[in-house]
Amino acid sequence: MESNAHPTDLEIQEVFHKDRKEGFRLLYRKYSERILSVCRRYSADMEEAMDFFQEAMIKINDKCRSVKIKEEGSLYGWMFRVTVNLIMDKFRRDKKRLAADIREVGEKDYMDPSYDDFDGISEEGLYEMIGRLSASKRAVFNMYAIEGYSYKEIADSLGISEDGASSMMSKARKELGQMVKDYLKQNQ
């Protein structure tokens, strides 16, 4: 294996079984940016994202020896699930905040943004806007719009009803729509 090339998932697993420290170094080098990006999508700010990231990488390191990788990409898929499940567990433990967010009243009626509206906004700007959503809206938005979960899967993961998940998604879209409009007005 070349020193500059990324090893395959199977090579990482093989190295991990021989030398845990070296295997984790290879895994980290290949996938850390992608896992941090997942954490960033679910976080209010970079500090929270780094907390999620560190917890996820510790859990991944602890459990990686027991994972059976069969094809390229399955290691990242497993790491992704570990990371999202860890974040969802945190949200479930914080049910008081989630329940308060679900019961919010007085939502403003904003229009959904169109895809064209996002052209003038950087990726970091979008992360910042998503980060300004409440924890529950941010979780539902990420799970539905980015990860492709169904409302039923979201409801099961967060311990809320499907209608609650749908309602949270609608509110998240409206808030993001207004943030995009405000941003575009300020930056024209």
N, C-alpha and C. Protein backbone atom coordinates (compact mmCIF):
# COMPACT_ATOMS: atom_id res chain seq x y z
N MET A 1 0.85 -1.19 0.00
CA MET A 1 0.00 0.00 0.00
C MET A 1 0.89 1.24 0.00
N GLU A 2 0.63 2.16 -0.92
CA GLU A 2 1.41 3.39 -1.00
C GLU A 2 1.12 4.27 0.20
N SER A 3 2.12 5.03 0.63
CA SER A 3 1.93 5.86 1.82
C SER A 3 0.94 7.00 1.57
N ASN A 4 0.83 7.50 0.33
CA ASN A 4 -0.08 8.61 0.04
C ASN A 4 -1.48 8.15 -0.29
N ALA A 5 -1.64 6.92 -0.75
CA ALA A 5 -2.95 6.41 -1.16
C ALA A 5 -3.76 6.00 0.06
N HIS A 6 -5.07 6.18 -0.06
CA HIS A 6 -5.95 5.70 1.01
C HIS A 6 -6.08 4.19 0.88
N PRO A 7 -5.93 3.49 1.97
CA PRO A 7 -6.14 2.04 1.93
C PRO A 7 -7.62 1.73 1.75
N THR A 8 -7.91 0.54 1.28
CA THR A 8 -9.30 0.12 1.16
C THR A 8 -9.84 -0.21 2.55
N ASP A 9 -11.16 -0.33 2.65
CA ASP A 9 -11.77 -0.70 3.92
C ASP A 9 -11.26 -2.06 4.40
N LEU A 10 -11.10 -2.99 3.48
CA LEU A 10 -10.60 -4.32 3.85
C LEU A 10 -9.17 -4.25 4.36
N GLU A 11 -8.34 -3.41 3.74
CA GLU A 11 -6.97 -3.24 4.23
C GLU A 11 -6.96 -2.60 5.61
N ILE A 12 -7.80 -1.62 5.83
CA ILE A 12 -7.88 -0.99 7.15
C ILE A 12 -8.28 -2.02 8.20
N GLN A 13 -9.28 -2.84 7.88
CA GLN A 13 -9.72 -3.86 8.83
C GLN A 13 -8.58 -4.83 9.14
N GLU A 14 -7.85 -5.23 8.12
CA GLU A 14 -6.74 -6.16 8.31
C GLU A 14 -5.67 -5.55 9.23
N VAL A 15 -5.30 -4.29 8.95
CA VAL A 15 -4.30 -3.60 9.77
C VAL A 15 -4.83 -3.43 11.19
N PHE A 16 -6.12 -3.09 11.32
CA PHE A 16 -6.72 -2.87 12.63
C PHE A 16 -6.61 -4.11 13.51
N HIS A 17 -6.79 -5.28 12.91
CA HIS A 17 -6.70 -6.53 13.68
C HIS A 17 -5.27 -6.84 14.10
N LYS A 18 -4.29 -6.36 13.35
CA LYS A 18 -2.88 -6.60 13.68
C LYS A 18 -2.33 -5.54 14.63
N ASP A 19 -2.70 -4.30 14.37
CA ASP A 19 -2.16 -3.16 15.13
C ASP A 19 -3.26 -2.11 15.26
N ARG A 20 -3.96 -2.12 16.38
CA ARG A 20 -5.12 -1.25 16.59
C ARG A 20 -4.78 0.23 16.37
N LYS A 21 -3.65 0.65 16.89
CA LYS A 21 -3.26 2.06 16.78
C LYS A 21 -3.05 2.45 15.32
N GLU A 22 -2.33 1.62 14.56
CA GLU A 22 -2.09 1.92 13.14
C GLU A 22 -3.39 1.83 12.34
N GLY A 23 -4.21 0.85 12.65
CA GLY A 23 -5.49 0.71 11.96
C GLY A 23 -6.38 1.91 12.18
N PHE A 24 -6.41 2.40 13.41
CA PHE A 24 -7.23 3.58 13.70
C PHE A 24 -6.66 4.80 13.01
N ARG A 25 -5.33 4.91 12.93
CA ARG A 25 -4.71 6.04 12.22
C ARG A 25 -5.14 6.05 10.75
N LEU A 26 -5.13 4.88 10.12
CA LEU A 26 -5.55 4.78 8.71
C LEU A 26 -7.03 5.13 8.55
N LEU A 27 -7.85 4.58 9.42
CA LEU A 27 -9.29 4.84 9.41
C LEU A 27 -9.54 6.33 9.59
N TYR A 28 -8.87 6.93 10.55
CA TYR A 28 -9.03 8.35 10.85
C TYR A 28 -8.64 9.20 9.64
N ARG A 29 -7.50 8.87 9.04
CA ARG A 29 -7.01 9.65 7.89
C ARG A 29 -8.00 9.56 6.72
N LYS A 30 -8.60 8.40 6.53
CA LYS A 30 -9.49 8.21 5.39
C LYS A 30 -10.88 8.81 5.62
N TYR A 31 -11.42 8.71 6.83
CA TYR A 31 -12.83 9.04 7.05
C TYR A 31 -13.13 10.16 8.04
N SER A 32 -12.14 10.71 8.71
CA SER A 32 -12.43 11.69 9.77
C SER A 32 -13.17 12.92 9.24
N GLU A 33 -12.80 13.43 8.06
CA GLU A 33 -13.48 14.62 7.53
C GLU A 33 -14.95 14.35 7.24
N ARG A 34 -15.24 13.17 6.72
CA ARG A 34 -16.64 12.83 6.41
C ARG A 34 -17.46 12.67 7.69
N ILE A 35 -16.88 12.05 8.71
CA ILE A 35 -17.59 11.87 9.98
C ILE A 35 -17.78 13.23 10.65
N LEU A 36 -16.78 14.09 10.61
CA LEU A 36 -16.93 15.43 11.18
C LEU A 36 -18.02 16.19 10.45
N SER A 37 -18.13 16.02 9.15
CA SER A 37 -19.18 16.67 8.37
C SER A 37 -20.57 16.20 8.83
N VAL A 38 -20.72 14.93 9.11
CA VAL A 38 -21.98 14.40 9.65
C VAL A 38 -22.27 15.07 10.99
N CYS A 39 -21.28 15.12 11.86
CA CYS A 39 -21.46 15.73 13.18
C CYS A 39 -21.83 17.20 13.05
N ARG A 40 -21.22 17.89 12.11
CA ARG A 40 -21.48 19.31 11.91
C ARG A 40 -22.93 19.55 11.49
N ARG A 41 -23.47 18.66 10.67
CA ARG A 41 -24.85 18.83 10.20
C ARG A 41 -25.85 18.73 11.35
N TYR A 42 -25.53 17.98 12.37
CA TYR A 42 -26.45 17.78 13.49
C TYR A 42 -26.18 18.75 14.64
N SER A 43 -25.20 19.61 14.53
CA SER A 43 -24.76 20.43 15.65
C SER A 43 -25.17 21.88 15.52
N ALA A 44 -25.30 22.52 16.67
CA ALA A 44 -25.62 23.94 16.70
C ALA A 44 -24.39 24.78 16.35
N ASP A 45 -23.21 24.27 16.66
CA ASP A 45 -21.98 25.01 16.40
C ASP A 45 -20.81 24.03 16.30
N MET A 46 -19.65 24.55 15.98
CA MET A 46 -18.48 23.69 15.78
C MET A 46 -18.05 23.01 17.07
N GLU A 47 -18.22 23.67 18.20
CA GLU A 47 -17.84 23.07 19.48
C GLU A 47 -18.67 21.80 19.75
N GLU A 48 -19.97 21.89 19.55
CA GLU A 48 -20.82 20.73 19.74
C GLU A 48 -20.48 19.64 18.72
N ALA A 49 -20.19 20.05 17.48
CA ALA A 49 -19.80 19.08 16.44
C ALA A 49 -18.53 18.34 16.85
N MET A 50 -17.57 19.05 17.39
CA MET A 50 -16.32 18.41 17.83
C MET A 50 -16.57 17.46 18.99
N ASP A 51 -17.48 17.81 19.90
CA ASP A 51 -17.84 16.90 20.99
C ASP A 51 -18.44 15.61 20.43
N PHE A 52 -19.39 15.75 19.51
CA PHE A 52 -19.98 14.57 18.87
C PHE A 52 -18.91 13.75 18.15
N PHE A 53 -18.04 14.44 17.43
CA PHE A 53 -17.00 13.78 16.66
C PHE A 53 -16.07 12.97 17.57
N GLN A 54 -15.64 13.58 18.65
CA GLN A 54 -14.74 12.88 19.57
C GLN A 54 -15.41 11.65 20.18
N GLU A 55 -16.66 11.81 20.60
CA GLU A 55 -17.38 10.66 21.17
C GLU A 55 -17.55 9.56 20.12
N ALA A 56 -17.87 9.95 18.90
CA ALA A 56 -18.06 8.97 17.84
C ALA A 56 -16.76 8.24 17.53
N MET A 57 -15.66 8.96 17.44
CA MET A 57 -14.39 8.32 17.11
C MET A 57 -13.92 7.39 18.22
N ILE A 58 -14.19 7.73 19.46
CA ILE A 58 -13.86 6.83 20.57
C ILE A 58 -14.68 5.55 20.46
N LYS A 59 -15.97 5.69 20.20
CA LYS A 59 -16.83 4.52 20.07
C LYS A 59 -16.42 3.67 18.87
N ILE A 60 -16.10 4.31 17.77
CA ILE A 60 -15.66 3.60 16.57
C ILE A 60 -14.38 2.83 16.86
N ASN A 61 -13.43 3.47 17.53
CA ASN A 61 -12.17 2.81 17.88
C ASN A 61 -12.42 1.60 18.79
N ASP A 62 -13.32 1.76 19.75
CA ASP A 62 -13.62 0.66 20.68
C ASP A 62 -14.27 -0.53 19.99
N LYS A 63 -15.10 -0.27 18.99
CA LYS A 63 -15.91 -1.33 18.39
C LYS A 63 -15.40 -1.83 17.04
N CYS A 64 -14.41 -1.17 16.47
CA CYS A 64 -14.00 -1.47 15.09
C CYS A 64 -13.50 -2.90 14.91
N ARG A 65 -12.86 -3.48 15.89
CA ARG A 65 -12.35 -4.85 15.76
C ARG A 65 -13.46 -5.87 15.56
N SER A 66 -14.63 -5.59 16.08
CA SER A 66 -15.73 -6.56 16.00
C SER A 66 -16.54 -6.44 14.71
N VAL A 67 -16.27 -5.41 13.89
CA VAL A 67 -17.02 -5.20 12.66
C VAL A 67 -16.42 -6.04 11.54
N LYS A 68 -17.29 -6.66 10.77
CA LYS A 68 -16.86 -7.47 9.62
C LYS A 68 -17.13 -6.69 8.34
N ILE A 69 -16.09 -6.21 7.71
CA ILE A 69 -16.20 -5.43 6.48
C ILE A 69 -16.16 -6.40 5.30
N LYS A 70 -17.14 -6.28 4.42
CA LYS A 70 -17.21 -7.19 3.28
C LYS A 70 -16.95 -6.50 1.95
N GLU A 71 -17.13 -5.19 1.90
CA GLU A 71 -16.92 -4.48 0.64
C GLU A 71 -16.53 -3.04 0.91
N GLU A 72 -15.93 -2.42 -0.09
CA GLU A 72 -15.51 -1.03 0.02
C GLU A 72 -16.75 -0.15 0.27
N GLY A 73 -16.63 0.76 1.22
CA GLY A 73 -17.73 1.65 1.57
C GLY A 73 -18.51 1.19 2.78
N SER A 74 -18.42 -0.09 3.10
CA SER A 74 -19.21 -0.57 4.24
C SER A 74 -18.63 -0.10 5.57
N LEU A 75 -17.33 0.18 5.62
CA LEU A 75 -16.74 0.70 6.85
C LEU A 75 -17.29 2.10 7.13
N TYR A 76 -17.32 2.95 6.09
CA TYR A 76 -17.89 4.28 6.29
C TYR A 76 -19.37 4.18 6.66
N GLY A 77 -20.12 3.30 6.01
CA GLY A 77 -21.54 3.13 6.34
C GLY A 77 -21.72 2.77 7.79
N TRP A 78 -20.89 1.88 8.29
CA TRP A 78 -20.96 1.49 9.70
C TRP A 78 -20.60 2.68 10.60
N MET A 79 -19.53 3.40 10.25
CA MET A 79 -19.11 4.56 11.04
C MET A 79 -20.20 5.62 11.05
N PHE A 80 -20.84 5.84 9.91
CA PHE A 80 -21.93 6.80 9.80
C PHE A 80 -23.06 6.42 10.75
N ARG A 81 -23.46 5.14 10.75
CA ARG A 81 -24.55 4.69 11.63
C ARG A 81 -24.17 4.85 13.10
N VAL A 82 -22.93 4.51 13.46
CA VAL A 82 -22.48 4.69 14.84
C VAL A 82 -22.58 6.15 15.24
N THR A 83 -22.15 7.04 14.36
CA THR A 83 -22.16 8.48 14.65
C THR A 83 -23.57 9.01 14.80
N VAL A 84 -24.44 8.72 13.84
CA VAL A 84 -25.82 9.22 13.90
C VAL A 84 -26.54 8.62 15.11
N ASN A 85 -26.35 7.34 15.38
CA ASN A 85 -27.00 6.73 16.55
C ASN A 85 -26.53 7.37 17.85
N LEU A 86 -25.24 7.69 17.93
CA LEU A 86 -24.72 8.36 19.13
C LEU A 86 -25.38 9.72 19.30
N ILE A 87 -25.52 10.47 18.23
CA ILE A 87 -26.15 11.79 18.29
C ILE A 87 -27.63 11.66 18.65
N MET A 88 -28.32 10.69 18.04
CA MET A 88 -29.74 10.49 18.34
C MET A 88 -29.93 10.06 19.79
N ASP A 89 -29.02 9.24 20.31
CA ASP A 89 -29.08 8.86 21.73
C ASP A 89 -28.98 10.09 22.62
N LYS A 90 -28.12 11.02 22.25
CA LYS A 90 -28.00 12.25 23.03
C LYS A 90 -29.30 13.04 22.98
N PHE A 91 -29.89 13.14 21.80
CA PHE A 91 -31.16 13.86 21.69
C PHE A 91 -32.26 13.17 22.50
N ARG A 92 -32.28 11.85 22.48
CA ARG A 92 -33.30 11.13 23.27
C ARG A 92 -33.09 11.37 24.76
N ARG A 93 -31.83 11.42 25.19
CA ARG A 93 -31.56 11.67 26.62
C ARG A 93 -31.99 13.08 27.02
N ASP A 94 -32.05 13.96 26.08
CA ASP A 94 -32.42 15.34 26.35
C ASP A 94 -33.88 15.58 25.97
N LYS A 95 -34.76 14.68 26.39
CA LYS A 95 -36.17 14.74 25.98
C LYS A 95 -36.87 16.01 26.44
N LYS A 96 -36.45 16.59 27.53
CA LYS A 96 -37.11 17.81 27.99
C LYS A 96 -36.96 18.91 26.94
N ARG A 97 -35.78 19.05 26.40
CA ARG A 97 -35.55 20.07 25.38
C ARG A 97 -36.35 19.72 24.13
N LEU A 98 -36.35 18.45 23.76
CA LEU A 98 -37.10 18.01 22.58
C LEU A 98 -38.59 18.27 22.75
N ALA A 99 -39.14 17.91 23.91
CA ALA A 99 -40.57 18.12 24.16
C ALA A 99 -40.92 19.60 24.11
N ALA A 100 -40.06 20.45 24.66
CA ALA A 100 -40.31 21.88 24.64
C ALA A 100 -40.28 22.41 23.20
N ASP A 101 -39.34 21.91 22.41
CA ASP A 101 -39.24 22.36 21.02
C ASP A 101 -40.48 21.94 20.23
N ILE A 102 -40.97 20.74 20.45
CA ILE A 102 -42.13 20.24 19.72
C ILE A 102 -43.37 21.06 20.05
N ARG A 103 -43.46 21.55 21.26
CA ARG A 103 -44.64 22.30 21.69
C ARG A 103 -44.56 23.79 21.37
N GLU A 104 -43.51 24.20 20.66
CA GLU A 104 -43.38 25.62 20.33
C GLU A 104 -44.64 26.13 19.65
N VAL A 105 -45.00 27.34 20.01
CA VAL A 105 -46.16 27.95 19.38
C VAL A 105 -45.74 29.27 18.76
N GLY A 106 -46.62 29.82 17.95
CA GLY A 106 -46.35 31.13 17.37
C GLY A 106 -45.36 31.10 16.22
N GLU A 107 -45.24 29.96 15.55
CA GLU A 107 -44.35 29.88 14.40
C GLU A 107 -44.80 30.87 13.33
N LYS A 108 -43.86 31.56 12.73
CA LYS A 108 -44.18 32.46 11.62
C LYS A 108 -44.38 31.61 10.38
N ASP A 109 -45.20 32.08 9.47
CA ASP A 109 -45.49 31.33 8.26
C ASP A 109 -44.56 31.80 7.14
N TYR A 110 -43.41 31.12 7.02
CA TYR A 110 -42.45 31.46 5.99
C TYR A 110 -42.62 30.52 4.81
N MET A 111 -42.24 31.00 3.64
CA MET A 111 -42.25 30.13 2.45
C MET A 111 -40.98 29.30 2.44
N ASP A 112 -41.09 28.10 1.87
CA ASP A 112 -39.92 27.25 1.70
C ASP A 112 -38.98 27.90 0.69
N PRO A 113 -37.66 27.77 0.93
CA PRO A 113 -36.72 28.30 -0.06
C PRO A 113 -36.67 27.40 -1.28
N SER A 114 -36.37 27.98 -2.43
CA SER A 114 -36.18 27.15 -3.62
C SER A 114 -34.71 26.74 -3.66
N TYR A 115 -34.41 25.70 -4.43
CA TYR A 115 -33.03 25.24 -4.52
C TYR A 115 -32.13 26.31 -5.10
N ASP A 116 -32.66 27.14 -5.98
CA ASP A 116 -31.86 28.21 -6.58
C ASP A 116 -31.40 29.21 -5.53
N ASP A 117 -32.18 29.38 -4.46
CA ASP A 117 -31.83 30.34 -3.41
C ASP A 117 -30.50 29.99 -2.75
N PHE A 118 -30.14 28.71 -2.74
CA PHE A 118 -28.95 28.28 -2.02
C PHE A 118 -27.66 28.50 -2.82
N ASP A 119 -27.78 28.86 -4.09
CA ASP A 119 -26.59 29.01 -4.93
C ASP A 119 -25.61 30.04 -4.39
N GLY A 120 -26.09 31.09 -3.78
CA GLY A 120 -25.20 32.15 -3.30
C GLY A 120 -24.74 31.97 -1.87
N ILE A 121 -24.95 30.80 -1.29
CA ILE A 121 -24.61 30.58 0.12
C ILE A 121 -23.56 29.48 0.20
N SER A 122 -22.50 29.73 0.96
CA SER A 122 -21.43 28.74 1.12
C SER A 122 -21.92 27.56 1.96
N GLU A 123 -21.18 26.46 1.87
CA GLU A 123 -21.51 25.29 2.69
C GLU A 123 -21.46 25.64 4.17
N GLU A 124 -20.45 26.41 4.57
CA GLU A 124 -20.33 26.80 5.98
C GLU A 124 -21.50 27.69 6.37
N GLY A 125 -21.95 28.55 5.46
CA GLY A 125 -23.11 29.39 5.74
C GLY A 125 -24.36 28.56 5.95
N LEU A 126 -24.54 27.51 5.13
CA LEU A 126 -25.69 26.62 5.32
C LEU A 126 -25.61 25.89 6.65
N TYR A 127 -24.40 25.39 6.99
CA TYR A 127 -24.23 24.73 8.28
C TYR A 127 -24.61 25.67 9.43
N GLU A 128 -24.18 26.92 9.30
CA GLU A 128 -24.47 27.90 10.34
C GLU A 128 -25.98 28.11 10.47
N MET A 129 -26.67 28.20 9.34
CA MET A 129 -28.13 28.38 9.37
C MET A 129 -28.81 27.15 9.99
N ILE A 130 -28.42 25.98 9.56
CA ILE A 130 -28.99 24.75 10.14
C ILE A 130 -28.69 24.70 11.63
N GLY A 131 -27.50 25.14 12.02
CA GLY A 131 -27.12 25.15 13.43
C GLY A 131 -27.96 26.07 14.28
N ARG A 132 -28.58 27.08 13.66
CA ARG A 132 -29.43 28.00 14.42
C ARG A 132 -30.81 27.43 14.69
N LEU A 133 -31.16 26.33 14.02
CA LEU A 133 -32.43 25.66 14.33
C LEU A 133 -32.35 25.04 15.73
N SER A 134 -33.49 24.86 16.36
CA SER A 134 -33.50 24.17 17.65
C SER A 134 -32.97 22.74 17.45
N ALA A 135 -32.55 22.10 18.51
CA ALA A 135 -31.96 20.76 18.40
C ALA A 135 -32.90 19.77 17.72
N SER A 136 -34.16 19.82 18.05
CA SER A 136 -35.10 18.85 17.47
C SER A 136 -35.36 19.15 15.99
N LYS A 137 -35.51 20.41 15.64
CA LYS A 137 -35.72 20.76 14.23
C LYS A 137 -34.48 20.40 13.41
N ARG A 138 -33.31 20.66 13.97
CA ARG A 138 -32.06 20.34 13.29
C ARG A 138 -31.95 18.84 13.06
N ALA A 139 -32.28 18.05 14.08
CA ALA A 139 -32.21 16.59 13.95
C ALA A 139 -33.18 16.09 12.90
N VAL A 140 -34.42 16.55 12.95
CA VAL A 140 -35.42 16.09 11.98
C VAL A 140 -35.03 16.53 10.58
N PHE A 141 -34.59 17.78 10.43
CA PHE A 141 -34.18 18.27 9.11
C PHE A 141 -33.06 17.42 8.52
N ASN A 142 -32.03 17.17 9.32
CA ASN A 142 -30.90 16.37 8.84
C ASN A 142 -31.32 14.95 8.50
N MET A 143 -32.12 14.35 9.37
CA MET A 143 -32.52 12.96 9.13
C MET A 143 -33.37 12.85 7.87
N TYR A 144 -34.26 13.80 7.66
CA TYR A 144 -35.18 13.71 6.52
C TYR A 144 -34.54 14.24 5.23
N ALA A 145 -34.06 15.47 5.28
CA ALA A 145 -33.60 16.13 4.05
C ALA A 145 -32.22 15.66 3.59
N ILE A 146 -31.37 15.32 4.52
CA ILE A 146 -30.00 14.98 4.15
C ILE A 146 -29.75 13.47 4.18
N GLU A 147 -30.22 12.80 5.24
CA GLU A 147 -29.95 11.38 5.37
C GLU A 147 -31.00 10.50 4.69
N GLY A 148 -32.18 11.06 4.40
CA GLY A 148 -33.20 10.31 3.67
C GLY A 148 -34.06 9.40 4.52
N TYR A 149 -34.12 9.64 5.83
CA TYR A 149 -34.99 8.85 6.69
C TYR A 149 -36.45 9.19 6.41
N SER A 150 -37.34 8.24 6.64
CA SER A 150 -38.78 8.50 6.54
C SER A 150 -39.25 9.13 7.85
N TYR A 151 -40.45 9.71 7.83
CA TYR A 151 -40.99 10.27 9.07
C TYR A 151 -41.18 9.18 10.12
N LYS A 152 -41.54 7.99 9.70
CA LYS A 152 -41.69 6.88 10.65
C LYS A 152 -40.36 6.56 11.32
N GLU A 153 -39.29 6.48 10.52
CA GLU A 153 -37.96 6.19 11.07
C GLU A 153 -37.51 7.31 12.01
N ILE A 154 -37.79 8.54 11.63
CA ILE A 154 -37.43 9.67 12.49
C ILE A 154 -38.21 9.60 13.80
N ALA A 155 -39.51 9.34 13.70
CA ALA A 155 -40.34 9.25 14.90
C ALA A 155 -39.84 8.15 15.82
N ASP A 156 -39.51 7.00 15.26
CA ASP A 156 -38.99 5.89 16.08
C ASP A 156 -37.66 6.25 16.73
N SER A 157 -36.78 6.91 15.98
CA SER A 157 -35.46 7.29 16.51
C SER A 157 -35.55 8.31 17.62
N LEU A 158 -36.45 9.27 17.47
CA LEU A 158 -36.53 10.37 18.43
C LEU A 158 -37.60 10.18 19.50
N GLY A 159 -38.40 9.13 19.36
CA GLY A 159 -39.45 8.89 20.36
C GLY A 159 -40.58 9.89 20.28
N ILE A 160 -40.94 10.31 19.05
CA ILE A 160 -42.04 11.24 18.84
C ILE A 160 -43.00 10.61 17.83
N SER A 161 -44.13 11.24 17.59
CA SER A 161 -45.08 10.71 16.61
C SER A 161 -44.63 11.08 15.19
N GLU A 162 -45.17 10.37 14.20
CA GLU A 162 -44.88 10.70 12.81
C GLU A 162 -45.38 12.11 12.49
N ASP A 163 -46.56 12.45 13.01
CA ASP A 163 -47.08 13.81 12.79
C ASP A 163 -46.15 14.85 13.41
N GLY A 164 -45.60 14.52 14.58
CA GLY A 164 -44.65 15.43 15.22
C GLY A 164 -43.40 15.61 14.37
N ALA A 165 -42.90 14.51 13.78
CA ALA A 165 -41.72 14.60 12.91
C ALA A 165 -42.03 15.44 11.68
N SER A 166 -43.20 15.22 11.08
CA SER A 166 -43.60 15.98 9.91
C SER A 166 -43.74 17.46 10.24
N SER A 167 -44.35 17.74 11.37
CA SER A 167 -44.53 19.12 11.81
C SER A 167 -43.18 19.80 12.05
N MET A 168 -42.25 19.08 12.69
CA MET A 168 -40.93 19.65 12.96
C MET A 168 -40.20 19.93 11.64
N MET A 169 -40.37 19.06 10.65
CA MET A 169 -39.73 19.27 9.36
C MET A 169 -40.30 20.50 8.69
N SER A 170 -41.61 20.66 8.74
CA SER A 170 -42.25 21.83 8.15
C SER A 170 -41.74 23.11 8.81
N LYS A 171 -41.66 23.10 10.13
CA LYS A 171 -41.17 24.28 10.84
C LYS A 171 -39.71 24.57 10.50
N ALA A 172 -38.90 23.50 10.39
CA ALA A 172 -37.49 23.68 10.04
C ALA A 172 -37.35 24.29 8.65
N ARG A 173 -38.13 23.80 7.70
CA ARG A 173 -38.09 24.35 6.34
C ARG A 173 -38.46 25.83 6.33
N LYS A 174 -39.50 26.16 7.07
CA LYS A 174 -39.95 27.55 7.11
C LYS A 174 -38.88 28.45 7.71
N GLU A 175 -38.28 28.01 8.82
CA GLU A 175 -37.24 28.82 9.44
C GLU A 175 -36.03 28.97 8.53
N LEU A 176 -35.61 27.86 7.92
CA LEU A 176 -34.48 27.94 7.00
C LEU A 176 -34.79 28.83 5.80
N GLY A 177 -36.03 28.75 5.33
CA GLY A 177 -36.44 29.61 4.23
C GLY A 177 -36.30 31.08 4.58
N GLN A 178 -36.71 31.43 5.77
CA GLN A 178 -36.58 32.82 6.19
C GLN A 178 -35.12 33.20 6.37
N MET A 179 -34.31 32.29 6.91
CA MET A 179 -32.87 32.59 7.06
C MET A 179 -32.23 32.83 5.70
N VAL A 180 -32.58 32.01 4.72
CA VAL A 180 -32.03 32.16 3.38
C VAL A 180 -32.46 33.51 2.79
N LYS A 181 -33.73 33.84 2.93
CA LYS A 181 -34.21 35.13 2.41
C LYS A 181 -33.51 36.29 3.07
N ASP A 182 -33.36 36.23 4.39
CA ASP A 182 -32.67 37.30 5.12
C ASP A 182 -31.22 37.42 4.66
N TYR A 183 -30.56 36.29 4.51
CA TYR A 183 -29.18 36.28 4.07
C TYR A 183 -29.04 36.90 2.68
N LEU A 184 -29.92 36.49 1.78
CA LEU A 184 -29.85 36.99 0.41
C LEU A 184 -30.14 38.50 0.36
N LYS A 185 -31.07 38.98 1.19
CA LYS A 185 -31.35 40.43 1.24
C LYS A 185 -30.12 41.20 1.69
N GLN A 186 -29.45 40.67 2.72
CA GLN A 186 -28.29 41.35 3.29
C GLN A 186 -27.08 41.28 2.38
N ASN A 187 -27.02 40.30 1.49
CA ASN A 187 -25.81 40.08 0.70
C ASN A 187 -26.03 40.28 -0.80
N GLN A 188 -26.99 41.11 -1.15
CA GLN A 188 -27.23 41.39 -2.59
C GLN A 188 -26.40 42.55 -3.03
